[in-house]
C-alpha atoms as a PDB file:
ATOM      1  CA  MET A   1    -165.968 -91.976 -14.846  1.00  0.00           C
ATOM      2  CA  ASN A   2    -166.511 -88.222 -15.173  1.00  0.00           C
ATOM      3  CA  ASP A   3    -165.760 -85.688 -12.449  1.00  0.00           C
ATOM      4  CA  THR A   4    -169.416 -85.454 -11.350  1.00  0.00           C
ATOM      5  CA  ALA A   5    -169.655 -89.218 -10.960  1.00  0.00           C
ATOM      6  CA  LYS A   6    -166.383 -89.323  -9.055  1.00  0.00           C
ATOM      7  CA  GLN A   7    -167.587 -86.575  -6.720  1.00  0.00           C
ATOM      8  CA  GLN A   8    -170.885 -88.399  -6.079  1.00  0.00           C
ATOM      9  CA  ASP A   9    -168.980 -91.615  -5.441  1.00  0.00           C
ATOM     10  CA  GLN A  10    -166.851 -89.845  -2.832  1.00  0.00           C
ATOM     11  CA  ILE A  11    -169.952 -88.390  -1.171  1.00  0.00           C
ATOM     12  CA  ASP A  12    -171.604 -91.834  -1.075  1.00  0.00           C
ATOM     13  CA  SER A  13    -168.479 -93.357   0.449  1.00  0.00           C
ATOM     14  CA  LEU A  14    -168.251 -90.655   3.119  1.00  0.00           C
ATOM     15  CA  ALA A  15    -171.949 -91.091   3.926  1.00  0.00           C
ATOM     16  CA  ALA A  16    -171.401 -94.833   4.271  1.00  0.00           C
ATOM     17  CA  ASP A  17    -168.419 -94.215   6.536  1.00  0.00           C
ATOM     18  CA  TRP A  18    -170.536 -92.041   8.841  1.00  0.00           C
ATOM     19  CA  VAL A  19    -173.374 -94.569   9.005  1.00  0.00           C
ATOM     20  CA  VAL A  20    -170.957 -97.411   9.761  1.00  0.00           C
ATOM     21  CA  LYS A  21    -169.274 -95.310  12.458  1.00  0.00           C
ATOM     22  CA  LEU A  22    -172.645 -94.518  14.041  1.00  0.00           C
ATOM     23  CA  GLY A  23    -173.577 -98.194  13.972  1.00  0.00           C
ATOM     24  CA  GLY A  24    -170.413 -99.091  15.852  1.00  0.00           C
ATOM     25  CA  GLY A  25    -170.932 -96.835  18.860  1.00  0.00           C
ATOM     26  CA  PRO A  26    -171.799 -93.341  20.098  1.00  0.00           C
ATOM     27  CA  LEU A  27    -169.901 -90.421  18.585  1.00  0.00           C
ATOM     28  CA  SER A  28    -167.755 -88.086  20.603  1.00  0.00           C
ATOM     29  CA  SER A  29    -168.796 -84.450  20.843  1.00  0.00           C
ATOM     30  CA  ALA A  30    -166.184 -83.506  18.254  1.00  0.00           C
ATOM     31  CA  GLU A  31    -167.364 -86.225  15.875  1.00  0.00           C
ATOM     32  CA  ARG A  32    -170.991 -85.165  16.252  1.00  0.00           C
ATOM     33  CA  ALA A  33    -170.046 -81.587  15.402  1.00  0.00           C
ATOM     34  CA  GLU A  34    -168.027 -82.777  12.409  1.00  0.00           C
ATOM     35  CA  LEU A  35    -170.963 -84.836  11.120  1.00  0.00           C
ATOM     36  CA  GLU A  36    -173.365 -81.909  11.473  1.00  0.00           C
ATOM     37  CA  ARG A  37    -170.967 -79.632   9.592  1.00  0.00           C
ATOM     38  CA  TRP A  38    -170.618 -82.157   6.782  1.00  0.00           C
ATOM     39  CA  LEU A  39    -174.386 -82.608   6.491  1.00  0.00           C
ATOM     40  CA  ASP A  40    -174.933 -78.834   6.363  1.00  0.00           C
ATOM     41  CA  GLN A  41    -172.325 -78.261   3.667  1.00  0.00           C
ATOM     42  CA  ASN A  42    -174.396 -79.576   0.785  1.00  0.00           C
ATOM     43  CA  ILE A  43    -177.865 -81.007   0.206  1.00  0.00           C
ATOM     44  CA  GLU A  44    -176.188 -83.890  -1.650  1.00  0.00           C
ATOM     45  CA  HIS A  45    -174.414 -84.847   1.577  1.00  0.00           C
ATOM     46  CA  ARG A  46    -177.695 -85.116   3.459  1.00  0.00           C
ATOM     47  CA  LEU A  47    -179.365 -87.055   0.630  1.00  0.00           C
ATOM     48  CA  ALA A  48    -176.469 -89.504   0.498  1.00  0.00           C
ATOM     49  CA  PHE A  49    -176.588 -89.899   4.269  1.00  0.00           C
ATOM     50  CA  ASP A  50    -180.328 -90.655   4.099  1.00  0.00           C
ATOM     51  CA  GLU A  51    -179.690 -93.259   1.376  1.00  0.00           C
ATOM     52  CA  ALA A  52    -176.968 -94.817   3.508  1.00  0.00           C
ATOM     53  CA  GLN A  53    -179.342 -95.087   6.467  1.00  0.00           C
ATOM     54  CA  LEU A  54    -181.944 -96.795   4.266  1.00  0.00           C
ATOM     55  CA  ALA A  55    -179.354 -99.298   3.107  1.00  0.00           C
ATOM     56  CA  TRP A  56    -178.225 -99.857   6.685  1.00  0.00           C
ATOM     57  CA  ALA A  57    -181.824-100.403   7.790  1.00  0.00           C
ATOM     58  CA  LYS A  58    -182.268-102.978   5.014  1.00  0.00           C
ATOM     59  CA  MET A  59    -179.222-104.932   6.167  1.00  0.00           C
ATOM     60  CA  GLY A  60    -180.238-104.302   9.786  1.00  0.00           C
ATOM     61  CA  ALA A  61    -182.893-106.988   9.350  1.00  0.00           C
ATOM     62  CA  LEU A  62    -180.040-109.454   9.802  1.00  0.00           C
ATOM     63  CA  ARG A  63    -179.537-108.335  13.419  1.00  0.00           C
ATOM     64  CA  THR A  64    -182.322-110.519  14.789  1.00  0.00           C
ATOM     65  CA  ALA A  65    -184.309-112.146  11.977  1.00  0.00           C
ATOM     66  CA  PRO A  66    -184.434-112.128   8.190  1.00  0.00           C
ATOM     67  CA  GLY A  67    -187.747-110.255   8.076  1.00  0.00           C
ATOM     68  CA  ALA A  68    -188.285-109.015   4.542  1.00  0.00           C
ATOM     69  CA  LEU A  69    -185.228-110.967   3.397  1.00  0.00           C
ATOM     70  CA  ALA A  70    -186.677-114.302   4.500  1.00  0.00           C
ATOM     71  CA  ASN A  71    -187.554-115.436   0.984  1.00  0.00           C
ATOM     72  CA  ASP A  72    -184.063-114.583  -0.255  1.00  0.00           C
ATOM     73  CA  ILE A  73    -182.209-116.725   2.280  1.00  0.00           C
ATOM     74  CA  ASN A  74    -181.385-120.257   1.191  1.00  0.00           C
ATOM     75  CA  PRO A  75    -178.876-122.026   3.460  1.00  0.00           C
ATOM     76  CA  ASP A  76    -177.624-124.379   0.733  1.00  0.00           C
ATOM     77  CA  ARG A  77    -177.028-121.403  -1.532  1.00  0.00           C
ATOM     78  CA  PHE A  78    -175.007-119.395   0.982  1.00  0.00           C
ATOM     79  CA  VAL A  79    -172.893-122.067   2.719  1.00  0.00           C
ATOM     80  CA  ALA A  80    -169.786-121.645   0.588  1.00  0.00           C
ATOM     81  CA  LEU A  81    -170.229-118.006  -0.396  1.00  0.00           C
ATOM     82  CA  GLU A  82    -167.563-115.421   0.296  1.00  0.00           C
ATOM     83  CA  PRO A  83    -168.761-112.069   1.726  1.00  0.00           C
ATOM     84  CA  THR A  84    -168.404-110.290  -1.620  1.00  0.00           C
ATOM     85  CA  THR A  85    -170.501-112.928  -3.361  1.00  0.00           C
ATOM     86  CA  LEU A  86    -173.110-112.785  -0.606  1.00  0.00           C
ATOM     87  CA  ALA A  87    -173.256-109.013  -1.053  1.00  0.00           C
ATOM     88  CA  LYS A  88    -174.208-109.504  -4.694  1.00  0.00           C
ATOM     89  CA  ALA A  89    -176.832-112.086  -3.754  1.00  0.00           C
ATOM     90  CA  LEU A  90    -178.480-109.608  -1.390  1.00  0.00           C
ATOM     91  CA  SER A  91    -178.318-106.661  -3.770  1.00  0.00           C
ATOM     92  CA  SER A  92    -181.393-104.580  -4.637  1.00  0.00           C
ATOM     93  CA  SER A  93    -182.377-101.627  -6.805  1.00  0.00           C
ATOM     94  CA  LEU A  94    -181.554 -99.286  -3.911  1.00  0.00           C
ATOM     95  CA  TRP A  95    -178.058-100.703  -3.629  1.00  0.00           C
ATOM     96  CA  HIS A  96    -177.484-100.485  -7.390  1.00  0.00           C
ATOM     97  CA  ARG A  97    -178.112 -96.733  -7.162  1.00  0.00           C
ATOM     98  CA  VAL A  98    -175.240 -96.335  -4.689  1.00  0.00           C
ATOM     99  CA  PRO A  99    -172.654 -99.049  -5.485  1.00  0.00           C
ATOM    100  CA  ALA A 100    -169.811 -97.641  -3.428  1.00  0.00           C
ATOM    101  CA  MET A 101    -172.038 -97.316  -0.369  1.00  0.00           C
ATOM    102  CA  ALA A 102    -173.513-100.763  -0.913  1.00  0.00           C
ATOM    103  CA  ALA A 103    -170.144-102.437  -1.104  1.00  0.00           C
ATOM    104  CA  CYS A 104    -168.886-100.654   1.987  1.00  0.00           C
ATOM    105  CA  LEU A 105    -171.936-101.400   4.128  1.00  0.00           C
ATOM    106  CA  THR A 106    -172.329-104.991   2.963  1.00  0.00           C
ATOM    107  CA  LEU A 107    -168.745-105.913   3.717  1.00  0.00           C
ATOM    108  CA  VAL A 108    -168.856-104.238   7.109  1.00  0.00           C
ATOM    109  CA  VAL A 109    -172.197-105.767   8.132  1.00  0.00           C
ATOM    110  CA  ILE A 110    -171.430-109.270   6.855  1.00  0.00           C
ATOM    111  CA  GLY A 111    -167.710-109.232   7.551  1.00  0.00           C
ATOM    112  CA  LEU A 112    -167.772-107.722  11.043  1.00  0.00           C
ATOM    113  CA  GLY A 113    -171.272-108.530  12.211  1.00  0.00           C
ATOM    114  CA  THR A 114    -170.856-106.501  15.381  1.00  0.00           C
ATOM    115  CA  TRP A 115    -173.092-103.533  14.593  1.00  0.00           C
ATOM    116  CA  PHE A 116    -175.283-102.539  17.490  1.00  0.00           C
ATOM    117  CA  ALA A 117    -178.268-100.566  16.284  1.00  0.00           C
ATOM    118  CA  ASP A 118    -179.426 -98.025  13.789  1.00  0.00           C
ATOM    119  CA  PRO A 119    -177.324 -94.855  13.417  1.00  0.00           C
ATOM    120  CA  LEU A 120    -179.917 -92.436  14.796  1.00  0.00           C
ATOM    121  CA  LEU A 121    -180.199 -94.505  17.975  1.00  0.00           C
ATOM    122  CA  MET A 122    -176.429 -94.465  18.343  1.00  0.00           C
ATOM    123  CA  LEU A 123    -176.369 -90.672  18.240  1.00  0.00           C
ATOM    124  CA  SER A 124    -178.121 -90.556  21.611  1.00  0.00           C
ATOM    125  CA  THR A 125    -176.653 -93.567  23.427  1.00  0.00           C
ATOM    126  CA  ASP A 126    -174.952 -92.686  26.722  1.00  0.00           C
ATOM    127  CA  HIS A 127    -173.958 -96.172  27.869  1.00  0.00           C
ATOM    128  CA  ARG A 128    -173.908 -99.545  26.138  1.00  0.00           C
ATOM    129  CA  THR A 129    -172.471-103.013  26.555  1.00  0.00           C
ATOM    130  CA  ALA A 130    -170.904-105.397  24.069  1.00  0.00           C
ATOM    131  CA  PRO A 131    -172.258-108.916  23.405  1.00  0.00           C
ATOM    132  CA  GLY A 132    -171.856-111.025  26.536  1.00  0.00           C
ATOM    133  CA  GLU A 133    -170.817-108.019  28.655  1.00  0.00           C
ATOM    134  CA  ARG A 134    -172.526-106.872  31.854  1.00  0.00           C
ATOM    135  CA  ARG A 135    -171.742-103.549  33.484  1.00  0.00           C
ATOM    136  CA  THR A 136    -172.905-101.790  36.654  1.00  0.00           C
ATOM    137  CA  LEU A 137    -173.305 -98.014  36.432  1.00  0.00           C
ATOM    138  CA  THR A 138    -173.710 -95.473  39.235  1.00  0.00           C
ATOM    139  CA  LEU A 139    -175.644 -92.371  38.237  1.00  0.00           C
ATOM    140  CA  GLU A 140    -175.213 -88.841  39.535  1.00  0.00           C
ATOM    141  CA  ASP A 141    -177.902 -89.265  42.209  1.00  0.00           C
ATOM    142  CA  GLY A 142    -176.478 -92.564  43.474  1.00  0.00           C
ATOM    143  CA  SER A 143    -178.946 -94.774  41.589  1.00  0.00           C
ATOM    144  CA  ARG A 144    -177.389 -97.910  40.110  1.00  0.00           C
ATOM    145  CA  ILE A 145    -178.101 -99.837  36.934  1.00  0.00           C
ATOM    146  CA  GLU A 146    -176.826-103.273  36.010  1.00  0.00           C
ATOM    147  CA  LEU A 147    -176.835-103.202  32.229  1.00  0.00           C
ATOM    148  CA  GLY A 148    -177.202-106.586  30.576  1.00  0.00           C
ATOM    149  CA  PRO A 149    -175.363-107.875  27.508  1.00  0.00           C
ATOM    150  CA  HIS A 150    -175.666-105.952  24.241  1.00  0.00           C
ATOM    151  CA  SER A 151    -177.823-103.254  25.829  1.00  0.00           C
ATOM    152  CA  ALA A 152    -177.974 -99.472  25.579  1.00  0.00           C
ATOM    153  CA  ILE A 153    -179.433 -96.606  27.604  1.00  0.00           C
ATOM    154  CA  THR A 154    -179.610 -92.832  27.658  1.00  0.00           C
ATOM    155  CA  ILE A 155    -179.792 -90.749  30.834  1.00  0.00           C
ATOM    156  CA  ASP A 156    -182.171 -87.787  30.881  1.00  0.00           C
ATOM    157  CA  TYR A 157    -182.252 -86.167  34.318  1.00  0.00           C
ATOM    158  CA  ASP A 158    -183.894 -82.773  34.716  1.00  0.00           C
ATOM    159  CA  ALA A 159    -185.425 -80.710  37.513  1.00  0.00           C
ATOM    160  CA  GLN A 160    -188.687 -82.697  37.465  1.00  0.00           C
ATOM    161  CA  THR A 161    -187.796 -86.295  36.632  1.00  0.00           C
ATOM    162  CA  ARG A 162    -184.933 -88.766  36.746  1.00  0.00           C
ATOM    163  CA  ARG A 163    -185.527 -90.528  33.434  1.00  0.00           C
ATOM    164  CA  VAL A 164    -183.603 -93.409  31.852  1.00  0.00           C
ATOM    165  CA  LYS A 165    -184.384 -94.695  28.374  1.00  0.00           C
ATOM    166  CA  LEU A 166    -183.640 -98.349  27.715  1.00  0.00           C
ATOM    167  CA  LEU A 167    -182.975 -98.295  23.985  1.00  0.00           C
ATOM    168  CA  SER A 168    -182.234-101.984  23.638  1.00  0.00           C
ATOM    169  CA  GLY A 169    -181.525-105.045  25.757  1.00  0.00           C
ATOM    170  CA  VAL A 170    -182.123-105.487  29.478  1.00  0.00           C
ATOM    171  CA  GLY A 171    -181.310-103.621  32.674  1.00  0.00           C
ATOM    172  CA  TYR A 172    -181.692-104.171  36.415  1.00  0.00           C
ATOM    173  CA  PHE A 173    -182.553-100.847  38.055  1.00  0.00           C
ATOM    174  CA  MET A 174    -181.747 -99.897  41.655  1.00  0.00           C
ATOM    175  CA  PRO A 175    -182.861 -96.262  41.989  1.00  0.00           C
ATOM    176  CA  ARG A 176    -182.080 -94.028  44.917  1.00  0.00           C
ATOM    177  CA  ARG A 177    -185.261 -93.768  46.952  1.00  0.00           C
ATOM    178  CA  LEU A 178    -187.171 -90.562  47.429  1.00  0.00           C
ATOM    179  CA  ASP A 179    -186.293 -88.513  50.493  1.00  0.00           C
ATOM    180  CA  ALA A 180    -186.020 -84.902  51.591  1.00  0.00           C
ATOM    181  CA  ASP A 181    -183.059 -84.340  49.268  1.00  0.00           C
ATOM    182  CA  GLU A 182    -184.365 -86.311  46.284  1.00  0.00           C
ATOM    183  CA  THR A 183    -187.992 -85.694  45.338  1.00  0.00           C
ATOM    184  CA  ARG A 184    -187.869 -86.444  41.619  1.00  0.00           C
ATOM    185  CA  PRO A 185    -189.541 -89.681  40.481  1.00  0.00           C
ATOM    186  CA  PHE A 186    -187.340 -92.306  38.814  1.00  0.00           C
ATOM    187  CA  VAL A 187    -188.790 -93.490  35.477  1.00  0.00           C
ATOM    188  CA  VAL A 188    -187.536 -95.984  32.901  1.00  0.00           C
ATOM    189  CA  ASP A 189    -188.862 -95.745  29.341  1.00  0.00           C
ATOM    190  CA  ALA A 190    -188.672 -98.784  27.063  1.00  0.00           C
ATOM    191  CA  VAL A 191    -190.351 -99.094  23.651  1.00  0.00           C
ATOM    192  CA  ASP A 192    -194.026 -98.326  24.398  1.00  0.00           C
ATOM    193  CA  VAL A 193    -194.113 -98.326  28.218  1.00  0.00           C
ATOM    194  CA  SER A 194    -192.731 -96.443  31.213  1.00  0.00           C
ATOM    195  CA  ALA A 195    -191.965 -97.917  34.633  1.00  0.00           C
ATOM    196  CA  GLN A 196    -192.004 -95.578  37.638  1.00  0.00           C
ATOM    197  CA  ALA A 197    -190.195 -96.786  40.724  1.00  0.00           C
ATOM    198  CA  LEU A 198    -191.959 -96.625  44.063  1.00  0.00           C
ATOM    199  CA  GLY A 199    -188.939 -97.351  46.275  1.00  0.00           C
ATOM    200  CA  THR A 200    -187.937-100.529  44.513  1.00  0.00           C
ATOM    201  CA  GLU A 201    -185.642-102.691  42.407  1.00  0.00           C
ATOM    202  CA  PHE A 202    -186.846-103.968  39.073  1.00  0.00           C
ATOM    203  CA  THR A 203    -185.912-105.298  35.637  1.00  0.00           C
ATOM    204  CA  VAL A 204    -186.888-103.813  32.288  1.00  0.00           C
ATOM    205  CA  GLU A 205    -186.281-105.651  29.020  1.00  0.00           C
ATOM    206  CA  THR A 206    -187.016-104.657  25.435  1.00  0.00           C
ATOM    207  CA  LEU A 207    -188.848-107.156  23.234  1.00  0.00           C
ATOM    208  CA  ASP A 208    -189.520-107.243  19.500  1.00  0.00           C
ATOM    209  CA  ASP A 209    -192.861-105.448  19.789  1.00  0.00           C
ATOM    210  CA  GLY A 210    -192.854-104.109  23.329  1.00  0.00           C
ATOM    211  CA  ALA A 211    -191.186-104.494  26.704  1.00  0.00           C
ATOM    212  CA  GLN A 212    -191.327-106.495  29.943  1.00  0.00           C
ATOM    213  CA  VAL A 213    -191.117-105.186  33.520  1.00  0.00           C
ATOM    214  CA  ILE A 214    -190.377-107.484  36.477  1.00  0.00           C
ATOM    215  CA  VAL A 215    -190.413-106.269  40.090  1.00  0.00           C
ATOM    216  CA  THR A 216    -187.979-107.580  42.699  1.00  0.00           C
ATOM    217  CA  GLU A 217    -188.689-105.249  45.629  1.00  0.00           C
ATOM    218  CA  HIS A 218    -191.563-102.951  46.651  1.00  0.00           C
ATOM    219  CA  GLN A 219    -193.748-101.714  43.785  1.00  0.00           C
ATOM    220  CA  VAL A 220    -193.558-100.286  40.266  1.00  0.00           C
ATOM    221  CA  ARG A 221    -196.230 -98.433  38.324  1.00  0.00           C
ATOM    222  CA  VAL A 222    -196.190 -99.380  34.636  1.00  0.00           C
ATOM    223  CA  PHE A 223    -198.063 -97.303  32.093  1.00  0.00           C
ATOM    224  CA  LEU A 224    -198.257 -96.811  28.336  1.00  0.00           C
ATOM    225  CA  ARG A 225    -196.084 -93.922  27.206  1.00  0.00           C
ATOM    226  CA  ASP A 226    -198.736 -92.648  24.784  1.00  0.00           C
ATOM    227  CA  ASN A 227    -201.651 -93.149  27.163  1.00  0.00           C
ATOM    228  CA  GLN A 228    -200.716 -92.851  30.833  1.00  0.00           C
ATOM    229  CA  SER A 229    -204.287 -93.586  31.894  1.00  0.00           C
ATOM    230  CA  VAL A 230    -203.577 -97.218  30.940  1.00  0.00           C
ATOM    231  CA  SER A 231    -201.467 -98.394  33.867  1.00  0.00           C
ATOM    232  CA  THR A 232    -200.960-101.194  36.355  1.00  0.00           C
ATOM    233  CA  LEU A 233    -199.210-101.625  39.704  1.00  0.00           C
ATOM    234  CA  LEU A 234    -196.727-104.473  40.126  1.00  0.00           C
ATOM    235  CA  ALA A 235    -195.731-106.085  43.425  1.00  0.00           C
ATOM    236  CA  PRO A 236    -192.584-108.193  44.084  1.00  0.00           C
ATOM    237  CA  GLY A 237    -192.513-111.351  41.970  1.00  0.00           C
ATOM    238  CA  GLN A 238    -194.918-109.914  39.424  1.00  0.00           C
ATOM    239  CA  ALA A 239    -194.356-108.972  35.784  1.00  0.00           C
ATOM    240  CA  VAL A 240    -196.206-107.443  32.873  1.00  0.00           C
ATOM    241  CA  ARG A 241    -195.526-107.291  29.150  1.00  0.00           C
ATOM    242  CA  SER A 242    -196.522-104.737  26.579  1.00  0.00           C
ATOM    243  CA  ALA A 243    -197.083-105.340  22.888  1.00  0.00           C
ATOM    244  CA  LYS A 244    -198.079-102.822  20.258  1.00  0.00           C
ATOM    245  CA  GLN A 245    -199.361-100.200  22.700  1.00  0.00           C
ATOM    246  CA  HIS A 246    -201.234-102.733  24.831  1.00  0.00           C
ATOM    247  CA  LEU A 247    -200.512-103.814  28.410  1.00  0.00           C
ATOM    248  CA  GLY A 248    -200.880-107.509  29.075  1.00  0.00           C
ATOM    249  CA  THR A 249    -202.140-109.126  32.262  1.00  0.00           C
ATOM    250  CA  ILE A 250    -200.035-109.260  35.411  1.00  0.00           C
ATOM    251  CA  HIS A 251    -198.404-112.645  35.946  1.00  0.00           C
ATOM    252  CA  ASN A 252    -196.183-114.159  38.609  1.00  0.00           C
ATOM    253  CA  VAL A 253    -192.552-115.030  37.885  1.00  0.00           C
ATOM    254  CA  ASN A 254    -189.733-116.908  39.567  1.00  0.00           C
ATOM    255  CA  LEU A 255    -187.338-114.092  40.446  1.00  0.00           C
ATOM    256  CA  ASP A 256    -184.278-116.332  40.631  1.00  0.00           C
ATOM    257  CA  ARG A 257    -184.922-117.541  37.086  1.00  0.00           C
ATOM    258  CA  SER A 258    -186.030-114.219  35.624  1.00  0.00           C
ATOM    259  CA  THR A 259    -182.914-112.426  36.894  1.00  0.00           C
ATOM    260  CA  GLY A 260    -180.589-115.295  36.059  1.00  0.00           C
ATOM    261  CA  TRP A 261    -178.971-113.226  33.307  1.00  0.00           C
ATOM    262  CA  ARG A 262    -177.228-111.310  36.100  1.00  0.00           C
ATOM    263  CA  ARG A 263    -175.332-114.554  36.761  1.00  0.00           C
ATOM    264  CA  ASP A 264    -174.989-115.499  33.083  1.00  0.00           C
ATOM    265  CA  ARG A 265    -177.715-118.118  33.405  1.00  0.00           C
ATOM    266  CA  LEU A 266    -180.818-118.097  31.212  1.00  0.00           C
ATOM    267  CA  THR A 267    -183.962-120.064  31.960  1.00  0.00           C
ATOM    268  CA  PHE A 268    -186.663-120.507  29.328  1.00  0.00           C
ATOM    269  CA  ASP A 269    -190.031-122.040  30.138  1.00  0.00           C
ATOM    270  CA  ASN A 270    -192.130-122.646  27.037  1.00  0.00           C
ATOM    271  CA  VAL A 271    -190.714-119.542  25.323  1.00  0.00           C
ATOM    272  CA  SER A 272    -190.843-119.007  21.548  1.00  0.00           C
ATOM    273  CA  LEU A 273    -187.695-119.851  19.626  1.00  0.00           C
ATOM    274  CA  ALA A 274    -187.696-116.330  18.156  1.00  0.00           C
ATOM    275  CA  GLU A 275    -187.474-114.805  21.635  1.00  0.00           C
ATOM    276  CA  VAL A 276    -184.831-117.296  22.730  1.00  0.00           C
ATOM    277  CA  ILE A 277    -182.644-116.531  19.720  1.00  0.00           C
ATOM    278  CA  ALA A 278    -183.067-112.792  20.255  1.00  0.00           C
ATOM    279  CA  THR A 279    -181.735-113.318  23.787  1.00  0.00           C
ATOM    280  CA  LEU A 280    -178.848-115.562  22.680  1.00  0.00           C
ATOM    281  CA  ASN A 281    -177.825-112.903  20.180  1.00  0.00           C
ATOM    282  CA  ARG A 282    -176.956-110.627  23.101  1.00  0.00           C
ATOM    283  CA  TYR A 283    -174.243-113.032  24.180  1.00  0.00           C
ATOM    284  CA  ARG A 284    -172.270-113.605  20.987  1.00  0.00           C
ATOM    285  CA  ALA A 285    -170.626-111.572  18.250  1.00  0.00           C
ATOM    286  CA  GLY A 286    -172.557-111.770  14.997  1.00  0.00           C
ATOM    287  CA  ARG A 287    -176.108-112.963  14.580  1.00  0.00           C
ATOM    288  CA  ILE A 288    -178.148-116.153  14.573  1.00  0.00           C
ATOM    289  CA  ILE A 289    -180.882-115.857  11.966  1.00  0.00           C
ATOM    290  CA  ILE A 290    -184.075-117.931  11.896  1.00  0.00           C
ATOM    291  CA  THR A 291    -184.834-118.604   8.235  1.00  0.00           C
ATOM    292  CA  ASP A 292    -188.520-119.459   8.666  1.00  0.00           C
ATOM    293  CA  ALA A 293    -190.996-117.305  10.588  1.00  0.00           C
ATOM    294  CA  ALA A 294    -193.128-120.348  11.482  1.00  0.00           C
ATOM    295  CA  MET A 295    -190.049-121.976  13.006  1.00  0.00           C
ATOM    296  CA  GLY A 296    -189.724-119.002  15.339  1.00  0.00           C
ATOM    297  CA  THR A 297    -193.034-119.860  17.018  1.00  0.00           C
ATOM    298  CA  ARG A 298    -191.789-123.232  18.284  1.00  0.00           C
ATOM    299  CA  LYS A 299    -191.372-123.444  22.056  1.00  0.00           C
ATOM    300  CA  VAL A 300    -188.181-123.871  24.039  1.00  0.00           C
ATOM    301  CA  SER A 301    -187.640-124.882  27.668  1.00  0.00           C
ATOM    302  CA  GLY A 302    -184.364-125.301  29.484  1.00  0.00           C
ATOM    303  CA  VAL A 303    -181.596-123.747  31.584  1.00  0.00           C
ATOM    304  CA  PHE A 304    -178.453-122.565  29.816  1.00  0.00           C
ATOM    305  CA  GLN A 305    -175.125-121.155  30.978  1.00  0.00           C
ATOM    306  CA  MET A 306    -174.203-118.177  28.832  1.00  0.00           C
ATOM    307  CA  GLY A 307    -170.497-118.644  29.319  1.00  0.00           C
ATOM    308  CA  THR A 308    -170.887-121.046  26.389  1.00  0.00           C
ATOM    309  CA  PRO A 309    -173.603-119.602  24.095  1.00  0.00           C
ATOM    310  CA  GLU A 310    -172.569-121.892  21.237  1.00  0.00           C
ATOM    311  CA  GLN A 311    -173.346-124.914  23.411  1.00  0.00           C
ATOM    312  CA  ALA A 312    -176.744-123.439  24.212  1.00  0.00           C
ATOM    313  CA  LEU A 313    -177.461-123.009  20.497  1.00  0.00           C
ATOM    314  CA  ALA A 314    -176.335-126.579  19.785  1.00  0.00           C
ATOM    315  CA  THR A 315    -178.590-127.956  22.528  1.00  0.00           C
ATOM    316  CA  ILE A 316    -181.608-125.977  21.349  1.00  0.00           C
ATOM    317  CA  SER A 317    -181.155-126.839  17.680  1.00  0.00           C
ATOM    318  CA  SER A 318    -180.692-130.526  18.550  1.00  0.00           C
ATOM    319  CA  SER A 319    -183.788-130.678  20.765  1.00  0.00           C
ATOM    320  CA  LEU A 320    -185.911-129.061  18.027  1.00  0.00           C
ATOM    321  CA  GLU A 321    -184.243-131.139  15.285  1.00  0.00           C
ATOM    322  CA  LEU A 322    -182.991-128.062  13.465  1.00  0.00           C
ATOM    323  CA  ASP A 323    -179.766-127.487  11.551  1.00  0.00           C
ATOM    324  CA  THR A 324    -177.332-124.580  11.683  1.00  0.00           C
ATOM    325  CA  VAL A 325    -174.839-123.306   9.149  1.00  0.00           C
ATOM    326  CA  SER A 326    -172.347-120.461   9.330  1.00  0.00           C
ATOM    327  CA  ILE A 327    -172.161-118.184   6.305  1.00  0.00           C
ATOM    328  CA  THR A 328    -169.215-116.349   7.813  1.00  0.00           C
ATOM    329  CA  PRO A 329    -167.816-116.670  11.335  1.00  0.00           C
ATOM    330  CA  LEU A 330    -170.350-114.026  12.376  1.00  0.00           C
ATOM    331  CA  VAL A 331    -173.563-115.018  10.585  1.00  0.00           C
ATOM    332  CA  THR A 332    -175.294-118.305  11.514  1.00  0.00           C
ATOM    333  CA  LEU A 333    -178.489-119.540   9.882  1.00  0.00           C
ATOM    334  CA  LEU A 334    -180.933-121.738  11.800  1.00  0.00           C
ATOM    335  CA  TYR A 335    -183.119-123.838   9.478  1.00  0.00           C
END
């Protein structure tokens, strides 16, 4: 290997290290500054970093569903494979162009399986929880948020608005009410919608193609972020979902069931398997992957205690007559 190739290999490895670090959690101020300096040093650094993010995004499909990799996944083929062999099986022309980066990212993603989100999202995360973890936060104005498992938010308060962005997962919001000393509206952004509190408590949850808002007390105004003229007003016990820049119809919910995650209890009533698995993935390290998109449309009903997510998966797979297999301790295929 000549000196130029060695230098490029080192750059690729450093880029991979940064992307992996970003995927594991938010950077400190010093780390952010160090990353910016490294990116500004050379155009090759920035190009390598962009390649690393593309590779990460490709493997990121394993976080919730195989997506574009669906046709490549064969449970019988992967049962006995070691991580390094699996990395070769999932290789592509992109990965061949950056072998050092590919090896690094593949082993981390398959071997650890605890990545949280894409690197750019991680740059702006203020608070997050690990799989199965719940945490209650108190904000500077006294508002409280109960952050659900494997969830992330950013806080963006300014002189006009108290804004929280739910980047992923679920949160139960208990904003400080408006009074003479606090006149700024409290707004939660999630995917394609915003929820403005009107003296209330409410839940916001991100979904694959949108978000869901459920009101516990008082009222919440929900509107599309890109078109605020499209809005609806929710009363206690009501919910609305968005999907692809469209607000659904208001529907009634059982509040005890819909907020059961706050007590580590999940209730599903005729919910798609894809949505159920996405929820279960918040409670365990690694990922459950549905190997067939049609399978993900099957419906699930039941009440499950999330202290034992593996038991919940076993019950669901048994009731639907499905099989599971673990590729590594942190990657489980459902087929």
